[in-house]
């Protein structure tokens, strides 16, 4: 993955159209996560909703920002062995994404690369991008032991090539099992969010309100991090790889519409009513209305029309 892919809009100053566009899309995601967080997480909508949402991001860049390229994904399996040593964290102002961990004395604000302090975010208040690389992010989650079973687990061990290859090759015809393995609290999806901390991890600003800390970590903050889109593009690619790994996978689906964490072991991807291909993806009047799960199920189909490198 090249961090230069979005250079035409990505690294302009705060006053640029890019900054406006990025803010607009972040607000869009927060609108979803405020209202739909229980609907799109730990339900059968997790994969299809985020596929549709991540697809909408480059469409907006193309339509409103003049971008003519493709949307990059971040293959974090390549960085798992030496996460902080990755070239991704280059300090180069025009092609680097900056520090994996920001300045600790300044609320972990990123001080180098293309998202250094002249890149300003608006939510929940004006601030600069924050990252706080934490290898063992679940140590403090002891009161949630029913979800976090290995508090000292190193997050990068959740997204190694061996782990991902095993998940892609496994769960043949078992969408529920596949999603549960990917979306589990210490699984690949969550591990990337949490190992980064800061905005991507959904953590509050140091001077945030008490209400923020009571709901921490919060997905409403995650989309502040530009890597959110590349991370979720990789999550989508991961699903695409599984879909194409066996003829029994492409049309395999089982998921509920109601999040049920009380009985999580029984309903890791939602309880009844159960979903099917005719179910309309939630749009809240922001995305194209009437888009069904069937529309976004196959990336090479007429609606989405994209593919990934295998």
Protein backbone atom coordinates (compact mmCIF):
# COMPACT_ATOMS: atom_id res chain seq x y z
CA UNK A 1 0.00 0.00 0.00
CA UNK A 2 1.40 3.36 -0.99
CA UNK A 3 0.56 6.36 1.20
CA UNK A 4 0.86 8.50 -1.92
CA UNK A 5 -2.30 7.11 -3.50
CA UNK A 6 -4.48 9.97 -2.28
CA UNK A 7 -1.88 12.71 -2.60
CA UNK A 8 -4.03 14.87 -4.87
CA UNK A 9 -6.31 15.69 -1.96
CA UNK A 10 -4.75 14.08 1.08
CA UNK A 11 -1.99 16.43 2.10
CA UNK A 12 -3.32 19.91 1.42
CA UNK A 13 -3.55 22.44 4.22
CA UNK A 14 -6.49 22.85 6.59
CA UNK A 15 -8.13 25.43 4.35
CA UNK A 16 -8.18 23.06 1.35
CA UNK A 17 -11.21 21.34 -0.05
CA UNK A 18 -9.73 18.05 1.14
CA UNK A 19 -10.07 19.11 4.75
CA UNK A 20 -13.66 20.15 4.15
CA UNK A 21 -14.41 16.91 2.36
CA UNK A 22 -12.77 14.79 5.03
CA UNK A 23 -14.74 16.59 7.73
CA UNK A 24 -17.97 16.01 5.83
CA UNK A 25 -17.35 12.27 5.59
CA UNK A 26 -16.30 12.03 9.23
CA UNK A 27 -19.55 13.73 10.23
CA UNK A 28 -21.37 11.22 8.04
CA UNK A 29 -19.76 8.30 9.88
CA UNK A 30 -20.47 9.83 13.28
CA UNK A 31 -24.11 10.25 12.30
CA UNK A 32 -24.17 6.54 11.66
CA UNK A 33 -22.31 5.51 14.76
CA UNK A 34 -24.38 7.70 17.06
CA UNK A 35 -27.67 6.29 15.81
CA UNK A 36 -26.64 2.94 14.41
CA UNK A 37 -23.74 1.72 16.53
CA UNK A 38 -25.78 -1.16 18.02
CA UNK A 39 -27.13 -1.94 14.54
CA UNK A 40 -23.87 -2.14 12.56
CA UNK A 41 -21.60 -3.70 15.19
CA UNK A 42 -21.95 -7.29 16.42
CA UNK A 43 -24.81 -7.85 13.99
CA UNK A 44 -25.05 -9.32 10.52
CA UNK A 45 -24.67 -5.81 9.10
CA UNK A 46 -21.03 -5.37 10.13
CA UNK A 47 -19.39 -6.54 6.90
CA UNK A 48 -21.97 -5.32 4.33
CA UNK A 49 -22.54 -1.96 6.00
CA UNK A 50 -18.83 -1.14 6.20
CA UNK A 51 -18.29 -2.36 2.64
CA UNK A 52 -20.91 0.07 1.43
CA UNK A 53 -19.64 2.86 3.64
CA UNK A 54 -15.97 2.49 2.70
CA UNK A 55 -16.99 2.30 -0.97
CA UNK A 56 -18.82 5.62 -0.60
CA UNK A 57 -15.64 7.38 0.54
CA UNK A 58 -13.67 7.25 -2.75
CA UNK A 59 -16.90 7.94 -4.63
CA UNK A 60 -17.12 11.22 -2.74
CA UNK A 61 -13.46 11.97 -3.41
CA UNK A 62 -13.99 11.33 -7.11
CA UNK A 63 -17.21 13.30 -7.39
CA UNK A 64 -16.28 16.26 -5.20
CA UNK A 65 -12.49 16.32 -4.96
CA UNK A 66 -11.42 15.46 -8.48
CA UNK A 67 -9.64 12.28 -7.38
CA UNK A 68 -9.08 9.83 -10.25
CA UNK A 69 -7.29 6.92 -8.58
CA UNK A 70 -8.30 3.94 -6.52
CA UNK A 71 -8.89 3.54 -2.80
CA UNK A 72 -5.95 2.00 -0.91
CA UNK A 73 -6.16 -0.67 1.75
CA UNK A 74 -3.70 -1.10 4.59
CA UNK A 75 -2.46 -4.67 4.67
CA UNK A 76 -1.61 -4.71 8.36
CA UNK A 77 -0.48 -8.34 8.17
CA UNK A 78 2.72 -6.99 6.57
CA UNK A 79 3.33 -4.77 9.60
CA UNK A 80 2.37 -7.18 12.37
CA UNK A 81 5.91 -8.45 13.04
CA UNK A 82 7.42 -4.97 13.41
CA UNK A 83 4.49 -2.61 13.73
CA UNK A 84 6.30 0.58 14.74
CA UNK A 85 9.11 -0.12 12.27
CA UNK A 86 6.76 -0.01 9.28
CA UNK A 87 7.48 2.44 6.47
CA UNK A 88 3.88 3.56 6.94
CA UNK A 89 4.99 5.81 9.80
CA UNK A 90 7.42 7.86 7.72
CA UNK A 91 7.99 11.44 8.86
CA UNK A 92 8.03 12.68 5.25
CA UNK A 93 5.62 15.60 5.04
CA UNK A 94 4.40 14.75 1.53
CA UNK A 95 4.25 10.95 1.60
CA UNK A 96 4.45 9.81 5.23
CA UNK A 97 1.58 9.15 7.58
CA UNK A 98 3.56 10.26 10.63
CA UNK A 99 4.23 8.76 14.02
CA UNK A 100 2.57 5.58 15.23
CA UNK A 101 2.61 7.18 18.66
CA UNK A 102 2.26 10.92 19.10
CA UNK A 103 3.77 13.24 21.67
CA UNK A 104 2.81 11.92 25.12
CA UNK A 105 3.11 15.32 26.76
CA UNK A 106 0.63 16.77 24.24
CA UNK A 107 -2.24 14.26 24.36
CA UNK A 108 -0.38 12.05 21.87
CA UNK A 109 -0.84 14.45 18.98
CA UNK A 110 0.94 13.32 15.81
CA UNK A 111 3.81 15.70 15.19
CA UNK A 112 5.32 14.40 11.96
CA UNK A 113 4.32 13.38 8.45
CA UNK A 114 1.36 14.47 6.37
CA UNK A 115 -0.97 14.64 9.37
CA UNK A 116 1.21 16.81 11.58
CA UNK A 117 -0.42 19.63 13.59
CA UNK A 118 -1.54 21.68 10.58
CA UNK A 119 -4.11 18.92 9.97
CA UNK A 120 -7.06 19.84 12.19
CA UNK A 121 -10.04 17.72 13.15
CA UNK A 122 -13.35 19.12 14.31
CA UNK A 123 -14.85 16.36 16.47
CA UNK A 124 -15.71 16.31 19.31
CA UNK A 125 -13.90 19.65 19.50
CA UNK A 126 -11.13 21.12 17.37
CA UNK A 127 -7.97 19.07 17.85
CA UNK A 128 -5.07 17.45 16.01
CA UNK A 129 -4.82 13.80 15.08
CA UNK A 130 -3.80 11.56 18.00
CA UNK A 131 -2.13 8.16 18.06
CA UNK A 132 -0.97 6.20 21.08
CA UNK A 133 0.58 2.90 20.04
CA UNK A 134 -0.14 0.39 22.81
CA UNK A 135 1.00 -3.19 22.37
CA UNK A 136 -1.19 -4.52 25.20
CA UNK A 137 -4.32 -2.37 24.88
CA UNK A 138 -6.68 -4.64 26.84
CA UNK A 139 -4.89 -4.65 30.20
CA UNK A 140 -7.39 -2.22 31.72
CA UNK A 141 -10.47 -4.15 30.54
CA UNK A 142 -10.49 -6.62 33.42
CA UNK A 143 -14.05 -5.73 34.38
CA UNK A 144 -15.16 -7.05 30.97
CA UNK A 145 -13.56 -10.47 31.30
CA UNK A 146 -16.50 -12.14 29.59
CA UNK A 147 -15.39 -10.41 26.37
CA UNK A 148 -11.64 -9.96 26.93
CA UNK A 149 -10.18 -13.33 27.83
CA UNK A 150 -6.47 -12.52 27.50
CA UNK A 151 -5.82 -9.10 29.00
CA UNK A 152 -2.07 -9.19 28.35
CA UNK A 153 -2.37 -10.34 24.76
CA UNK A 154 -0.17 -8.37 22.37
CA UNK A 155 -2.48 -6.84 19.80
CA UNK A 156 -0.21 -7.45 16.82
CA UNK A 157 -0.53 -11.20 17.34
CA UNK A 158 -4.18 -10.91 16.29
CA UNK A 159 -3.44 -9.82 12.72
CA UNK A 160 -0.39 -11.81 11.63
CA UNK A 161 -0.34 -13.46 8.18
CA UNK A 162 -0.75 -16.87 9.82
CA UNK A 163 -3.87 -15.78 11.73
CA UNK A 164 -5.48 -14.19 8.68
CA UNK A 165 -4.60 -17.07 6.36
CA UNK A 166 -6.17 -19.52 8.81
CA UNK A 167 -9.36 -17.49 9.05
CA UNK A 168 -9.64 -17.14 5.28
CA UNK A 169 -9.11 -20.86 4.78
CA UNK A 170 -11.43 -21.83 7.62
CA UNK A 171 -15.12 -21.45 8.38
CA UNK A 172 -16.12 -22.87 5.01
CA UNK A 173 -19.74 -21.93 4.41
CA UNK A 174 -19.94 -20.52 7.96
CA UNK A 175 -20.44 -16.75 7.73
CA UNK A 176 -21.43 -16.48 11.38
CA UNK A 177 -18.26 -18.22 12.55
CA UNK A 178 -16.08 -16.20 10.19
CA UNK A 179 -17.51 -12.87 11.35
CA UNK A 180 -17.27 -13.90 15.00
CA UNK A 181 -13.57 -14.70 14.56
CA UNK A 182 -12.87 -11.41 12.77
CA UNK A 183 -15.03 -9.16 14.92
CA UNK A 184 -14.39 -10.70 18.34
CA UNK A 185 -13.20 -8.22 20.95
CA UNK A 186 -9.57 -9.32 20.65
CA UNK A 187 -9.76 -10.19 16.95
CA UNK A 188 -8.05 -8.56 13.95
CA UNK A 189 -10.55 -5.74 13.44
CA UNK A 190 -10.56 -4.57 17.05
CA UNK A 191 -6.83 -5.17 17.52
CA UNK A 192 -5.86 -2.67 14.82
CA UNK A 193 -8.16 -0.03 16.31
CA UNK A 194 -6.86 -0.60 19.82
CA UNK A 195 -3.14 -0.96 19.08
CA UNK A 196 -3.25 2.53 17.55
CA UNK A 197 -5.17 4.11 20.42
CA UNK A 198 -5.90 7.81 20.03
CA UNK A 199 -8.57 8.70 17.53
CA UNK A 200 -8.63 5.35 15.73
CA UNK A 201 -9.00 3.58 19.06
CA UNK A 202 -11.96 5.80 19.94
CA UNK A 203 -10.28 7.40 22.95
CA UNK A 204 -11.33 10.74 24.42
CA UNK A 205 -9.29 13.91 24.40
CA UNK A 206 -7.50 14.43 27.70
CA UNK A 207 -9.80 17.35 28.58
CA UNK A 208 -12.99 15.65 27.39
CA UNK A 209 -16.21 15.60 29.36
CA UNK A 210 -16.94 12.92 31.92
CA UNK A 211 -19.64 11.57 29.62
CA UNK A 212 -17.04 10.85 26.95
CA UNK A 213 -14.88 8.84 29.32
CA UNK A 214 -17.90 6.88 30.51
CA UNK A 215 -18.46 5.65 26.94
CA UNK A 216 -14.81 5.14 26.03
CA UNK A 217 -13.71 3.71 23.64
CA UNK A 218 -16.25 5.13 21.23
CA UNK A 219 -16.55 4.38 17.49
CA UNK A 220 -17.82 7.91 16.95
CA UNK A 221 -14.21 9.15 17.20
CA UNK A 222 -12.55 6.48 15.05
CA UNK A 223 -13.20 8.00 11.64
CA UNK A 224 -11.13 11.06 12.61
CA UNK A 225 -8.09 8.95 11.72
CA UNK A 226 -7.50 8.83 7.94
CA UNK A 227 -6.20 5.30 8.43
CA UNK A 228 -9.74 4.31 9.40
CA UNK A 229 -10.63 4.06 5.71
CA UNK A 230 -7.55 2.03 4.84
CA UNK A 231 -8.10 -0.24 7.85
CA UNK A 232 -11.71 -0.93 6.95
CA UNK A 233 -10.80 -1.39 3.30
CA UNK A 234 -8.51 -4.19 4.53
CA UNK A 235 -11.34 -5.61 6.62
CA UNK A 236 -13.45 -5.58 3.45
CA UNK A 237 -10.63 -7.22 1.48
CA UNK A 238 -10.37 -9.85 4.18
CA UNK A 239 -14.07 -10.65 3.73
CA UNK A 240 -13.59 -10.65 -0.07
CA UNK A 241 -10.72 -13.14 0.25
CA UNK A 242 -12.91 -15.43 2.37
CA UNK A 243 -15.83 -15.09 -0.04
CA UNK A 244 -13.58 -16.21 -2.88
CA UNK A 245 -11.76 -18.94 -0.96
CA UNK A 246 -14.51 -21.52 -1.52
CA UNK A 247 -17.63 -21.81 -3.67
CA UNK A 248 -19.47 -22.42 -0.41
CA UNK A 249 -18.53 -19.01 0.96
CA UNK A 250 -19.70 -16.47 -1.62
CA UNK A 251 -23.41 -16.76 -0.86
CA UNK A 252 -23.08 -17.99 2.71
CA UNK A 253 -24.87 -15.68 5.10
CA UNK A 254 -26.41 -15.81 8.53
CA UNK A 255 -26.76 -12.78 10.75
CA UNK A 256 -29.22 -11.06 13.00
CA UNK A 257 -30.44 -7.48 13.04
CA UNK A 258 -30.33 -7.00 16.82
CA UNK A 259 -27.09 -6.71 18.80
CA UNK A 260 -27.19 -9.06 21.80
CA UNK A 261 -24.09 -8.77 23.97
CA UNK A 262 -25.89 -10.31 26.94
CA UNK A 263 -25.84 -13.63 25.10
CA UNK A 264 -22.82 -12.85 22.96
CA UNK A 265 -21.55 -16.44 22.72
CA UNK A 266 -24.87 -17.45 21.15
CA UNK A 267 -25.38 -14.32 19.04
CA UNK A 268 -21.90 -12.98 18.09
CA UNK A 269 -23.33 -11.42 14.94
CA UNK A 270 -26.78 -10.56 16.15
CA UNK A 271 -30.04 -12.13 17.16
CA UNK A 272 -33.45 -12.25 15.44
CA UNK A 273 -35.05 -10.93 13.35
CA UNK A 274 -32.53 -12.44 10.94
CA UNK A 275 -31.37 -10.68 7.79
CA UNK A 276 -31.40 -11.67 4.13
CA UNK A 277 -30.28 -10.25 0.79
CA UNK A 278 -33.40 -8.10 0.43
CA UNK A 279 -32.71 -6.18 3.64
CA UNK A 280 -32.01 -2.50 2.98
CA UNK A 281 -28.71 -1.17 4.31
CA UNK A 282 -29.36 1.65 6.82
CA UNK A 283 -28.72 5.02 5.22
CA UNK A 284 -30.35 7.64 7.46
CA UNK A 285 -30.95 9.73 4.36
CA UNK A 286 -27.22 10.25 3.79
CA UNK A 287 -26.22 7.44 1.44
CA UNK A 288 -28.21 6.24 -1.54
CA UNK A 289 -31.50 4.94 -0.22
CA UNK A 290 -32.80 1.50 -1.05
CA UNK A 291 -29.43 -0.26 -1.32
CA UNK A 292 -29.84 -3.88 -0.29
CA UNK A 293 -27.41 -6.41 1.15
CA UNK A 294 -27.60 -8.15 -2.20
CA UNK A 295 -26.41 -4.99 -3.96
CA UNK A 296 -23.18 -4.88 -1.95
CA UNK A 297 -22.58 -8.60 -1.56
CA UNK A 298 -20.34 -9.06 -4.59
CA UNK A 299 -17.75 -6.34 -5.10
CA UNK A 300 -17.44 -7.05 -8.83
CA UNK A 301 -21.19 -6.65 -9.31
CA UNK A 302 -22.83 -3.83 -11.21
CA UNK A 303 -23.48 -1.67 -8.14
CA UNK A 304 -20.00 -1.56 -6.56
CA UNK A 305 -17.81 -2.63 -9.48
CA UNK A 306 -14.39 -3.06 -7.83
CA UNK A 307 -12.06 -5.87 -6.90
CA UNK A 308 -9.00 -6.58 -4.78
CA UNK A 309 -5.61 -8.11 -5.35
CA UNK A 310 -5.81 -11.74 -4.23
